[in-house]
Amino acid sequence: MELLDPKEVASLTGLSLETLAQWRSQKKHLSYLKVGRLVRYTLPDVEKYLESCRVSVSPSRRQK
């Protein structure tokens, strides 16, 4: 299992470290692990979060 630190998650998601810290304190959005004093995220959890952000759009028909 690949573990990511908050900086890596911020880079992957475009979220700030402050936002990730707020979410952890509010227990929202992303699951995380506490290993001693270290905060770590699993790649599948980050991918699941990113998938939940997906916005589906219908293909538009071009008008002639």
Protein backbone atom coordinates (compact mmCIF):
# COMPACT_ATOMS: atom_id res chain seq x y z
CA MET A 1 0.00 0.00 0.00
CA GLU A 2 1.47 3.32 -1.08
CA LEU A 3 1.20 6.04 1.55
CA LEU A 4 1.22 9.70 0.61
CA ASP A 5 2.04 12.66 2.84
CA PRO A 6 -0.14 15.79 2.84
CA LYS A 7 2.21 17.64 0.45
CA GLU A 8 1.88 14.87 -2.12
CA VAL A 9 -1.92 14.84 -1.75
CA ALA A 10 -2.03 18.63 -2.13
CA SER A 11 0.02 18.34 -5.30
CA LEU A 12 -2.20 15.59 -6.75
CA THR A 13 -5.51 17.25 -5.89
CA GLY A 14 -4.72 20.97 -6.13
CA LEU A 15 -5.94 21.41 -2.56
CA SER A 16 -3.96 23.47 -0.08
CA LEU A 17 -2.28 21.98 2.98
CA GLU A 18 -4.57 24.19 5.06
CA THR A 19 -7.68 22.74 3.44
CA LEU A 20 -6.45 19.19 4.06
CA ALA A 21 -5.75 20.07 7.71
CA GLN A 22 -9.24 21.56 8.11
CA TRP A 23 -10.83 18.50 6.55
CA ARG A 24 -8.90 16.23 8.93
CA SER A 25 -10.05 18.24 11.96
CA GLN A 26 -13.64 18.13 10.66
CA LYS A 27 -13.32 14.47 9.61
CA LYS A 28 -14.57 15.31 6.10
CA HIS A 29 -13.92 14.14 2.54
CA LEU A 30 -10.65 12.16 2.70
CA SER A 31 -9.84 9.28 4.99
CA TYR A 32 -6.34 9.38 6.45
CA LEU A 33 -4.02 7.39 8.65
CA LYS A 34 -2.21 8.53 11.77
CA VAL A 35 1.11 6.72 12.09
CA GLY A 36 2.49 8.07 15.33
CA ARG A 37 2.41 11.81 14.73
CA LEU A 38 2.55 11.43 10.94
CA VAL A 39 -0.50 11.92 8.73
CA ARG A 40 -0.65 9.71 5.67
CA TYR A 41 -3.20 9.04 2.92
CA THR A 42 -3.55 5.96 0.75
CA LEU A 43 -3.47 6.40 -3.00
CA PRO A 44 -6.78 4.50 -3.47
CA ASP A 45 -8.50 6.90 -1.01
CA VAL A 46 -7.15 9.92 -2.91
CA GLU A 47 -8.22 8.41 -6.24
CA LYS A 48 -11.69 7.70 -4.79
CA TYR A 49 -11.97 11.33 -3.67
CA LEU A 50 -10.90 12.57 -7.11
CA GLU A 51 -13.44 10.28 -8.78
CA SER A 52 -16.17 11.74 -6.55
CA CYS A 53 -15.27 15.17 -7.98
CA ARG A 54 -15.99 14.03 -11.53
CA VAL A 55 -18.63 16.05 -13.32
CA SER A 56 -20.43 14.19 -16.08
CA VAL A 57 -21.42 16.11 -19.16
CA SER A 58 -23.60 15.12 -22.06
CA PRO A 59 -22.02 15.25 -25.47
CA SER A 60 -23.40 18.25 -27.28
CA ARG A 61 -24.70 18.03 -30.78
CA ARG A 62 -23.10 20.39 -33.21
CA GLN A 63 -25.53 22.60 -35.04
CA LYS A 64 -24.92 23.16 -38.73
